[in-house]
Amino acid sequence: MNIYVGNLPYSVTEAELRETFEAYGKVDTANLIMDKFTGESKGFGFVEMPDNSEADAAIKALNEQPMKGRPLRVNQAKPRGERSGGGGGGGGRGRW
């Protein structure tokens, strides 16, 4: 299961993120999303856990729990196609 982890402290490392979730089971990957221009964390990431029951336990246990003073937002990640927001645009007047 792919898990979204938001509201992460900017100082957290991928190793700390992995360690936090490994308390609930096997972690395949733990990735922080970094700003491509500054190289700094954007404050969210994703954790991949192969066992859905362990992933569910981690989500339930860690959502709203503080990490370095910030309450985590933890839930099952949505596939990219299901994300909302963004887009739109254009409009304006057509050529006559």
PDB file of N, CA and C in Angstrom:
ATOM      1  N   MET A   1       0.855  -1.179   0.000  1.00  0.00           N
ATOM      2  CA  MET A   1       0.000   0.000   0.000  1.00  0.00           C
ATOM      3  C   MET A   1       0.895   1.235   0.000  1.00  0.00           C
ATOM      4  N   ASN A   2       0.518   2.202  -0.788  1.00  0.00           N
ATOM      5  CA  ASN A   2       1.237   3.463  -0.840  1.00  0.00           C
ATOM      6  C   ASN A   2       0.564   4.430   0.138  1.00  0.00           C
ATOM      7  N   ILE A   3       1.356   5.011   1.032  1.00  0.00           N
ATOM      8  CA  ILE A   3       0.838   5.864   2.105  1.00  0.00           C
ATOM      9  C   ILE A   3       1.364   7.277   1.930  1.00  0.00           C
ATOM     10  N   TYR A   4       0.458   8.248   1.964  1.00  0.00           N
ATOM     11  CA  TYR A   4       0.823   9.663   1.944  1.00  0.00           C
ATOM     12  C   TYR A   4       1.096  10.112   3.372  1.00  0.00           C
ATOM     13  N   VAL A   5       2.187  10.848   3.555  1.00  0.00           N
ATOM     14  CA  VAL A   5       2.526  11.395   4.870  1.00  0.00           C
ATOM     15  C   VAL A   5       2.749  12.889   4.689  1.00  0.00           C
ATOM     16  N   GLY A   6       1.848  13.683   5.250  1.00  0.00           N
ATOM     17  CA  GLY A   6       1.935  15.130   5.111  1.00  0.00           C
ATOM     18  C   GLY A   6       2.215  15.821   6.431  1.00  0.00           C
ATOM     19  N   ASN A   7       2.485  17.114   6.333  1.00  0.00           N
ATOM     20  CA  ASN A   7       2.794  17.973   7.470  1.00  0.00           C
ATOM     21  C   ASN A   7       4.063  17.515   8.189  1.00  0.00           C
ATOM     22  N   LEU A   8       4.993  16.964   7.412  1.00  0.00           N
ATOM     23  CA  LEU A   8       6.261  16.518   7.991  1.00  0.00           C
ATOM     24  C   LEU A   8       7.124  17.720   8.360  1.00  0.00           C
ATOM     25  N   PRO A   9       7.883  17.604   9.443  1.00  0.00           N
ATOM     26  CA  PRO A   9       8.857  18.657   9.740  1.00  0.00           C
ATOM     27  C   PRO A   9       9.872  18.722   8.592  1.00  0.00           C
ATOM     28  N   TYR A  10      10.300  19.911   8.248  1.00  0.00           N
ATOM     29  CA  TYR A  10      11.230  20.056   7.132  1.00  0.00           C
ATOM     30  C   TYR A  10      12.590  19.431   7.430  1.00  0.00           C
ATOM     31  N   SER A  11      12.881  19.194   8.703  1.00  0.00           N
ATOM     32  CA  SER A  11      14.176  18.635   9.086  1.00  0.00           C
ATOM     33  C   SER A  11      14.203  17.110   9.087  1.00  0.00           C
ATOM     34  N   VAL A  12      13.065  16.457   8.887  1.00  0.00           N
ATOM     35  CA  VAL A  12      13.020  14.994   8.949  1.00  0.00           C
ATOM     36  C   VAL A  12      13.776  14.395   7.760  1.00  0.00           C
ATOM     37  N   THR A  13      14.410  13.248   7.994  1.00  0.00           N
ATOM     38  CA  THR A  13      15.143  12.557   6.941  1.00  0.00           C
ATOM     39  C   THR A  13      14.341  11.340   6.470  1.00  0.00           C
ATOM     40  N   GLU A  14      14.717  10.807   5.313  1.00  0.00           N
ATOM     41  CA  GLU A  14      14.057   9.600   4.821  1.00  0.00           C
ATOM     42  C   GLU A  14      14.286   8.438   5.784  1.00  0.00           C
ATOM     43  N   ALA A  15      15.461   8.383   6.406  1.00  0.00           N
ATOM     44  CA  ALA A  15      15.752   7.320   7.374  1.00  0.00           C
ATOM     45  C   ALA A  15      14.822   7.418   8.585  1.00  0.00           C
ATOM     46  N   GLU A  16      14.551   8.632   9.059  1.00  0.00           N
ATOM     47  CA  GLU A  16      13.637   8.812  10.192  1.00  0.00           C
ATOM     48  C   GLU A  16      12.212   8.441   9.805  1.00  0.00           C
ATOM     49  N   LEU A  17      11.814   8.800   8.591  1.00  0.00           N
ATOM     50  CA  LEU A  17      10.477   8.462   8.107  1.00  0.00           C
ATOM     51  C   LEU A  17      10.322   6.948   8.025  1.00  0.00           C
ATOM     52  N   ARG A  18      11.309   6.271   7.446  1.00  0.00           N
ATOM     53  CA  ARG A  18      11.290   4.814   7.340  1.00  0.00           C
ATOM     54  C   ARG A  18      11.221   4.180   8.726  1.00  0.00           C
ATOM     55  N   GLU A  19      12.045   4.646   9.631  1.00  0.00           N
ATOM     56  CA  GLU A  19      12.100   4.087  10.990  1.00  0.00           C
ATOM     57  C   GLU A  19      10.753   4.228  11.702  1.00  0.00           C
ATOM     58  N   THR A  20      10.089   5.364  11.508  1.00  0.00           N
ATOM     59  CA  THR A  20       8.786   5.601  12.134  1.00  0.00           C
ATOM     60  C   THR A  20       7.771   4.558  11.684  1.00  0.00           C
ATOM     61  N   PHE A  21       7.761   4.236  10.402  1.00  0.00           N
ATOM     62  CA  PHE A  21       6.800   3.273   9.866  1.00  0.00           C
ATOM     63  C   PHE A  21       7.218   1.834  10.098  1.00  0.00           C
ATOM     64  N   GLU A  22       8.507   1.568  10.212  1.00  0.00           N
ATOM     65  CA  GLU A  22       8.969   0.199  10.451  1.00  0.00           C
ATOM     66  C   GLU A  22       8.519  -0.340  11.805  1.00  0.00           C
ATOM     67  N   ALA A  23       8.105   0.538  12.700  1.00  0.00           N
ATOM     68  CA  ALA A  23       7.556   0.094  13.987  1.00  0.00           C
ATOM     69  C   ALA A  23       6.264  -0.696  13.777  1.00  0.00           C
ATOM     70  N   TYR A  24       5.642  -0.564  12.582  1.00  0.00           N
ATOM     71  CA  TYR A  24       4.360  -1.223  12.294  1.00  0.00           C
ATOM     72  C   TYR A  24       4.477  -2.344  11.272  1.00  0.00           C
ATOM     73  N   GLY A  25       5.663  -2.516  10.681  1.00  0.00           N
ATOM     74  CA  GLY A  25       5.839  -3.595   9.719  1.00  0.00           C
ATOM     75  C   GLY A  25       6.908  -3.283   8.695  1.00  0.00           C
ATOM     76  N   LYS A  26       6.963  -4.113   7.669  1.00  0.00           N
ATOM     77  CA  LYS A  26       7.980  -3.982   6.631  1.00  0.00           C
ATOM     78  C   LYS A  26       7.703  -2.756   5.760  1.00  0.00           C
ATOM     79  N   VAL A  27       8.750  -2.003   5.490  1.00  0.00           N
ATOM     80  CA  VAL A  27       8.672  -0.830   4.621  1.00  0.00           C
ATOM     81  C   VAL A  27       9.521  -1.094   3.386  1.00  0.00           C
ATOM     82  N   ASP A  28       8.910  -1.011   2.208  1.00  0.00           N
ATOM     83  CA  ASP A  28       9.664  -1.171   0.963  1.00  0.00           C
ATOM     84  C   ASP A  28      10.426   0.103   0.629  1.00  0.00           C
ATOM     85  N   THR A  29       9.717   1.230   0.657  1.00  0.00           N
ATOM     86  CA  THR A  29      10.360   2.510   0.346  1.00  0.00           C
ATOM     87  C   THR A  29       9.804   3.610   1.245  1.00  0.00           C
ATOM     88  N   ALA A  30      10.621   4.612   1.474  1.00  0.00           N
ATOM     89  CA  ALA A  30      10.213   5.829   2.177  1.00  0.00           C
ATOM     90  C   ALA A  30      10.861   6.987   1.418  1.00  0.00           C
ATOM     91  N   ASN A  31      10.043   7.849   0.849  1.00  0.00           N
ATOM     92  CA  ASN A  31      10.563   8.941   0.024  1.00  0.00           C
ATOM     93  C   ASN A  31      10.014  10.279   0.482  1.00  0.00           C
ATOM     94  N   LEU A  32      10.912  11.231   0.677  1.00  0.00           N
ATOM     95  CA  LEU A  32      10.512  12.609   0.918  1.00  0.00           C
ATOM     96  C   LEU A  32      10.455  13.314  -0.425  1.00  0.00           C
ATOM     97  N   ILE A  33       9.498  14.199  -0.590  1.00  0.00           N
ATOM     98  CA  ILE A  33       9.404  14.980  -1.814  1.00  0.00           C
ATOM     99  C   ILE A  33      10.207  16.259  -1.606  1.00  0.00           C
ATOM    100  N   MET A  34      11.164  16.456  -2.511  1.00  0.00           N
ATOM    101  CA  MET A  34      12.085  17.580  -2.380  1.00  0.00           C
ATOM    102  C   MET A  34      11.795  18.632  -3.451  1.00  0.00           C
ATOM    103  N   ASP A  35      12.012  19.890  -3.094  1.00  0.00           N
ATOM    104  CA  ASP A  35      11.885  20.980  -4.049  1.00  0.00           C
ATOM    105  C   ASP A  35      13.036  20.879  -5.050  1.00  0.00           C
ATOM    106  N   LYS A  36      12.716  20.871  -6.337  1.00  0.00           N
ATOM    107  CA  LYS A  36      13.763  20.657  -7.336  1.00  0.00           C
ATOM    108  C   LYS A  36      14.710  21.850  -7.473  1.00  0.00           C
ATOM    109  N   PHE A  37      14.305  23.014  -6.987  1.00  0.00           N
ATOM    110  CA  PHE A  37      15.172  24.185  -7.097  1.00  0.00           C
ATOM    111  C   PHE A  37      16.026  24.388  -5.853  1.00  0.00           C
ATOM    112  N   THR A  38      15.436  24.190  -4.674  1.00  0.00           N
ATOM    113  CA  THR A  38      16.189  24.437  -3.432  1.00  0.00           C
ATOM    114  C   THR A  38      16.801  23.170  -2.856  1.00  0.00           C
ATOM    115  N   GLY A  39      16.264  21.988  -3.250  1.00  0.00           N
ATOM    116  CA  GLY A  39      16.762  20.741  -2.686  1.00  0.00           C
ATOM    117  C   GLY A  39      16.253  20.472  -1.282  1.00  0.00           C
ATOM    118  N   GLU A  40      15.355  21.319  -0.780  1.00  0.00           N
ATOM    119  CA  GLU A  40      14.809  21.156   0.572  1.00  0.00           C
ATOM    120  C   GLU A  40      13.489  20.399   0.519  1.00  0.00           C
ATOM    121  N   SER A  41      13.152  19.783   1.646  1.00  0.00           N
ATOM    122  CA  SER A  41      11.910  19.030   1.751  1.00  0.00           C
ATOM    123  C   SER A  41      10.711  19.935   1.526  1.00  0.00           C
ATOM    124  N   LYS A  42       9.682  19.384   0.883  1.00  0.00           N
ATOM    125  CA  LYS A  42       8.422  20.113   0.709  1.00  0.00           C
ATOM    126  C   LYS A  42       7.456  19.837   1.860  1.00  0.00           C
ATOM    127  N   GLY A  43       7.869  18.993   2.810  1.00  0.00           N
ATOM    128  CA  GLY A  43       7.029  18.729   3.980  1.00  0.00           C
ATOM    129  C   GLY A  43       6.061  17.574   3.810  1.00  0.00           C
ATOM    130  N   PHE A  44       6.261  16.763   2.764  1.00  0.00           N
ATOM    131  CA  PHE A  44       5.434  15.564   2.618  1.00  0.00           C
ATOM    132  C   PHE A  44       6.229  14.484   1.914  1.00  0.00           C
ATOM    133  N   GLY A  45       5.704  13.262   1.996  1.00  0.00           N
ATOM    134  CA  GLY A  45       6.390  12.146   1.371  1.00  0.00           C
ATOM    135  C   GLY A  45       5.465  10.953   1.248  1.00  0.00           C
ATOM    136  N   PHE A  46       6.043   9.841   0.830  1.00  0.00           N
ATOM    137  CA  PHE A  46       5.283   8.619   0.622  1.00  0.00           C
ATOM    138  C   PHE A  46       6.052   7.436   1.189  1.00  0.00           C
ATOM    139  N   VAL A  47       5.303   6.514   1.784  1.00  0.00           N
ATOM    140  CA  VAL A  47       5.872   5.277   2.319  1.00  0.00           C
ATOM    141  C   VAL A  47       5.127   4.126   1.665  1.00  0.00           C
ATOM    142  N   GLU A  48       5.860   3.148   1.176  1.00  0.00           N
ATOM    143  CA  GLU A  48       5.266   1.966   0.556  1.00  0.00           C
ATOM    144  C   GLU A  48       5.454   0.785   1.496  1.00  0.00           C
ATOM    145  N   MET A  49       4.319   0.180   1.910  1.00  0.00           N
ATOM    146  CA  MET A  49       4.341  -1.003   2.771  1.00  0.00           C
ATOM    147  C   MET A  49       3.634  -2.140   2.041  1.00  0.00           C
ATOM    148  N   PRO A  50       4.283  -3.318   1.923  1.00  0.00           N
ATOM    149  CA  PRO A  50       3.692  -4.408   1.142  1.00  0.00           C
ATOM    150  C   PRO A  50       2.488  -5.084   1.793  1.00  0.00           C
ATOM    151  N   ASP A  51       2.401  -5.052   3.113  1.00  0.00           N
ATOM    152  CA  ASP A  51       1.306  -5.725   3.823  1.00  0.00           C
ATOM    153  C   ASP A  51       0.229  -4.698   4.172  1.00  0.00           C
ATOM    154  N   ASN A  52      -0.962  -4.861   3.584  1.00  0.00           N
ATOM    155  CA  ASN A  52      -2.030  -3.876   3.791  1.00  0.00           C
ATOM    156  C   ASN A  52      -2.472  -3.763   5.242  1.00  0.00           C
ATOM    157  N   SER A  53      -2.483  -4.867   5.984  1.00  0.00           N
ATOM    158  CA  SER A  53      -2.919  -4.788   7.383  1.00  0.00           C
ATOM    159  C   SER A  53      -1.895  -4.012   8.217  1.00  0.00           C
ATOM    160  N   GLU A  54      -0.607  -4.186   7.929  1.00  0.00           N
ATOM    161  CA  GLU A  54       0.426  -3.406   8.626  1.00  0.00           C
ATOM    162  C   GLU A  54       0.334  -1.934   8.238  1.00  0.00           C
ATOM    163  N   ALA A  55       0.071  -1.684   6.955  1.00  0.00           N
ATOM    164  CA  ALA A  55      -0.070  -0.307   6.493  1.00  0.00           C
ATOM    165  C   ALA A  55      -1.266   0.368   7.158  1.00  0.00           C
ATOM    166  N   ASP A  56      -2.393  -0.338   7.246  1.00  0.00           N
ATOM    167  CA  ASP A  56      -3.579   0.215   7.919  1.00  0.00           C
ATOM    168  C   ASP A  56      -3.286   0.529   9.381  1.00  0.00           C
ATOM    169  N   ALA A  57      -2.559  -0.364  10.043  1.00  0.00           N
ATOM    170  CA  ALA A  57      -2.205  -0.149  11.444  1.00  0.00           C
ATOM    171  C   ALA A  57      -1.326   1.097  11.588  1.00  0.00           C
ATOM    172  N   ALA A  58      -0.381   1.271  10.672  1.00  0.00           N
ATOM    173  CA  ALA A  58       0.497   2.444  10.714  1.00  0.00           C
ATOM    174  C   ALA A  58      -0.307   3.726  10.497  1.00  0.00           C
ATOM    175  N   ILE A  59      -1.225   3.697   9.529  1.00  0.00           N
ATOM    176  CA  ILE A  59      -2.051   4.872   9.247  1.00  0.00           C
ATOM    177  C   ILE A  59      -2.861   5.254  10.479  1.00  0.00           C
ATOM    178  N   LYS A  60      -3.531   4.264  11.070  1.00  0.00           N
ATOM    179  CA  LYS A  60      -4.364   4.541  12.250  1.00  0.00           C
ATOM    180  C   LYS A  60      -3.539   5.051  13.417  1.00  0.00           C
ATOM    181  N   ALA A  61      -2.356   4.474  13.614  1.00  0.00           N
ATOM    182  CA  ALA A  61      -1.532   4.846  14.764  1.00  0.00           C
ATOM    183  C   ALA A  61      -0.841   6.199  14.583  1.00  0.00           C
ATOM    184  N   LEU A  62      -0.450   6.535  13.363  1.00  0.00           N
ATOM    185  CA  LEU A  62       0.384   7.723  13.159  1.00  0.00           C
ATOM    186  C   LEU A  62      -0.369   8.976  12.735  1.00  0.00           C
ATOM    187  N   ASN A  63      -1.575   8.837  12.189  1.00  0.00           N
ATOM    188  CA  ASN A  63      -2.320  10.025  11.778  1.00  0.00           C
ATOM    189  C   ASN A  63      -2.586  10.916  12.985  1.00  0.00           C
ATOM    190  N   GLU A  64      -2.278  12.193  12.847  1.00  0.00           N
ATOM    191  CA  GLU A  64      -2.450  13.217  13.887  1.00  0.00           C
ATOM    192  C   GLU A  64      -1.432  13.123  15.026  1.00  0.00           C
ATOM    193  N   GLN A  65      -0.508  12.165  14.952  1.00  0.00           N
ATOM    194  CA  GLN A  65       0.509  12.055  15.997  1.00  0.00           C
ATOM    195  C   GLN A  65       1.633  13.053  15.716  1.00  0.00           C
ATOM    196  N   PRO A  66       2.193  13.657  16.768  1.00  0.00           N
ATOM    197  CA  PRO A  66       3.245  14.647  16.546  1.00  0.00           C
ATOM    198  C   PRO A  66       4.583  14.008  16.163  1.00  0.00           C
ATOM    199  N   MET A  67       5.261  14.662  15.247  1.00  0.00           N
ATOM    200  CA  MET A  67       6.633  14.313  14.892  1.00  0.00           C
ATOM    201  C   MET A  67       7.413  15.618  14.912  1.00  0.00           C
ATOM    202  N   LYS A  68       8.321  15.716  15.858  1.00  0.00           N
ATOM    203  CA  LYS A  68       9.108  16.951  16.018  1.00  0.00           C
ATOM    204  C   LYS A  68       8.182  18.166  16.126  1.00  0.00           C
ATOM    205  N   GLY A  69       7.089  17.994  16.857  1.00  0.00           N
ATOM    206  CA  GLY A  69       6.187  19.107  17.129  1.00  0.00           C
ATOM    207  C   GLY A  69       5.112  19.374  16.087  1.00  0.00           C
ATOM    208  N   ARG A  70       5.045  18.572  15.032  1.00  0.00           N
ATOM    209  CA  ARG A  70       4.027  18.783  13.994  1.00  0.00           C
ATOM    210  C   ARG A  70       3.127  17.563  13.890  1.00  0.00           C
ATOM    211  N   PRO A  71       1.795  17.743  13.900  1.00  0.00           N
ATOM    212  CA  PRO A  71       0.889  16.599  13.771  1.00  0.00           C
ATOM    213  C   PRO A  71       0.897  16.054  12.345  1.00  0.00           C
ATOM    214  N   LEU A  72       1.224  14.792  12.204  1.00  0.00           N
ATOM    215  CA  LEU A  72       1.293  14.171  10.883  1.00  0.00           C
ATOM    216  C   LEU A  72      -0.089  13.987  10.277  1.00  0.00           C
ATOM    217  N   ARG A  73      -0.153  14.054   8.964  1.00  0.00           N
ATOM    218  CA  ARG A  73      -1.354  13.713   8.201  1.00  0.00           C
ATOM    219  C   ARG A  73      -0.996  12.449   7.433  1.00  0.00           C
ATOM    220  N   VAL A  74      -1.606  11.343   7.815  1.00  0.00           N
ATOM    221  CA  VAL A  74      -1.252  10.051   7.235  1.00  0.00           C
ATOM    222  C   VAL A  74      -2.512   9.383   6.690  1.00  0.00           C
ATOM    223  N   ASN A  75      -2.497   9.026   5.410  1.00  0.00           N
ATOM    224  CA  ASN A  75      -3.614   8.296   4.818  1.00  0.00           C
ATOM    225  C   ASN A  75      -3.139   7.543   3.578  1.00  0.00           C
ATOM    226  N   GLN A  76      -4.019   6.680   3.082  1.00  0.00           N
ATOM    227  CA  GLN A  76      -3.675   5.931   1.883  1.00  0.00           C
ATOM    228  C   GLN A  76      -3.555   6.909   0.725  1.00  0.00           C
ATOM    229  N   ALA A  77      -2.463   6.802  -0.011  1.00  0.00           N
ATOM    230  CA  ALA A  77      -2.236   7.707  -1.145  1.00  0.00           C
ATOM    231  C   ALA A  77      -3.222   7.382  -2.259  1.00  0.00           C
ATOM    232  N   LYS A  78      -3.703   8.423  -2.915  1.00  0.00           N
ATOM    233  CA  LYS A  78      -4.596   8.245  -4.052  1.00  0.00           C
ATOM    234  C   LYS A  78      -3.750   8.146  -5.314  1.00  0.00           C
ATOM    235  N   PRO A  79      -4.177   7.346  -6.263  1.00  0.00           N
ATOM    236  CA  PRO A  79      -3.455   7.305  -7.542  1.00  0.00           C
ATOM    237  C   PRO A  79      -3.422   8.690  -8.176  1.00  0.00           C
ATOM    238  N   ARG A  80      -2.396   8.985  -8.931  1.00  0.00           N
ATOM    239  CA  ARG A  80      -2.230  10.312  -9.522  1.00  0.00           C
ATOM    240  C   ARG A  80      -3.463  10.790 -10.284  1.00  0.00           C
ATOM    241  N   GLY A  81      -4.154   9.907 -10.982  1.00  0.00           N
ATOM    242  CA  GLY A  81      -5.311  10.296 -11.779  1.00  0.00           C
ATOM    243  C   GLY A  81      -6.489  10.775 -10.949  1.00  0.00           C
ATOM    244  N   GLU A  82      -6.527  10.431  -9.660  1.00  0.00           N
ATOM    245  CA  GLU A  82      -7.673  10.785  -8.825  1.00  0.00           C
ATOM    246  C   GLU A  82      -7.484  12.091  -8.068  1.00  0.00           C
ATOM    247  N   ARG A  83      -6.332  12.714  -8.206  1.00  0.00           N
ATOM    248  CA  ARG A  83      -6.103  13.947  -7.468  1.00  0.00           C
ATOM    249  C   ARG A  83      -7.026  15.044  -7.965  1.00  0.00           C
ATOM    250  N   SER A  84      -7.415  15.927  -7.071  1.00  0.00           N
ATOM    251  CA  SER A  84      -8.306  17.010  -7.466  1.00  0.00           C
ATOM    252  C   SER A  84      -7.531  18.324  -7.471  1.00  0.00           C
ATOM    253  N   GLY A  85      -8.181  19.352  -7.992  1.00  0.00           N
ATOM    254  CA  GLY A  85      -7.581  20.676  -7.983  1.00  0.00           C
ATOM    255  C   GLY A  85      -6.714  20.914  -9.204  1.00  0.00           C
ATOM    256  N   GLY A  86      -6.067  22.060  -9.193  1.00  0.00           N
ATOM    257  CA  GLY A  86      -5.172  22.411 -10.282  1.00  0.00           C
ATOM    258  C   GLY A  86      -5.912  22.558 -11.591  1.00  0.00           C
ATOM    259  N   GLY A  87      -5.176  22.614 -12.633  1.00  0.00           N
ATOM    260  CA  GLY A  87      -5.762  22.618 -13.968  1.00  0.00           C
ATOM    261  C   GLY A  87      -6.594  23.838 -14.271  1.00  0.00           C
ATOM    262  N   GLY A  88      -7.545  23.634 -15.111  1.00  0.00           N
ATOM    263  CA  GLY A  88      -8.361  24.762 -15.550  1.00  0.00           C
ATOM    264  C   GLY A  88      -7.519  25.662 -16.425  1.00  0.00           C
ATOM    265  N   GLY A  89      -7.868  26.885 -16.472  1.00  0.00           N
ATOM    266  CA  GLY A  89      -7.006  27.843 -17.140  1.00  0.00           C
ATOM    267  C   GLY A  89      -7.606  28.359 -18.433  1.00  0.00           C
ATOM    268  N   GLY A  90      -6.753  28.993 -19.157  1.00  0.00           N
ATOM    269  CA  GLY A  90      -7.146  29.483 -20.479  1.00  0.00           C
ATOM    270  C   GLY A  90      -8.237  30.516 -20.422  1.00  0.00           C
ATOM    271  N   GLY A  91      -9.296  30.191 -21.025  1.00  0.00           N
ATOM    272  CA  GLY A  91     -10.380  31.162 -21.110  1.00  0.00           C
ATOM    273  C   GLY A  91      -9.964  32.260 -22.061  1.00  0.00           C
ATOM    274  N   GLY A  92     -10.190  33.460 -21.689  1.00  0.00           N
ATOM    275  CA  GLY A  92      -9.814  34.579 -22.558  1.00  0.00           C
ATOM    276  C   GLY A  92     -10.751  34.678 -23.739  1.00  0.00           C
ATOM    277  N   ARG A  93     -10.464  35.604 -24.585  1.00  0.00           N
ATOM    278  CA  ARG A  93     -11.323  35.805 -25.745  1.00  0.00           C
ATOM    279  C   ARG A  93     -10.716  35.175 -26.970  1.00  0.00           C
ATOM    280  N   GLY A  94     -11.566  34.619 -27.772  1.00  0.00           N
ATOM    281  CA  GLY A  94     -11.101  34.010 -29.009  1.00  0.00           C
ATOM    282  C   GLY A  94     -10.799  35.072 -30.061  1.00  0.00           C
ATOM    283  N   ARG A  95     -10.136  34.650 -31.095  1.00  0.00           N
ATOM    284  CA  ARG A  95      -9.885  35.592 -32.204  1.00  0.00           C
ATOM    285  C   ARG A  95     -11.159  35.764 -33.020  1.00  0.00           C
ATOM    286  N   TRP A  96     -11.388  36.943 -33.475  1.00  0.00           N
ATOM    287  CA  TRP A  96     -12.604  37.236 -34.250  1.00  0.00           C
ATOM    288  C   TRP A  96     -12.336  37.067 -35.672  1.00  0.00           C
TER     289      TRP A  96
END
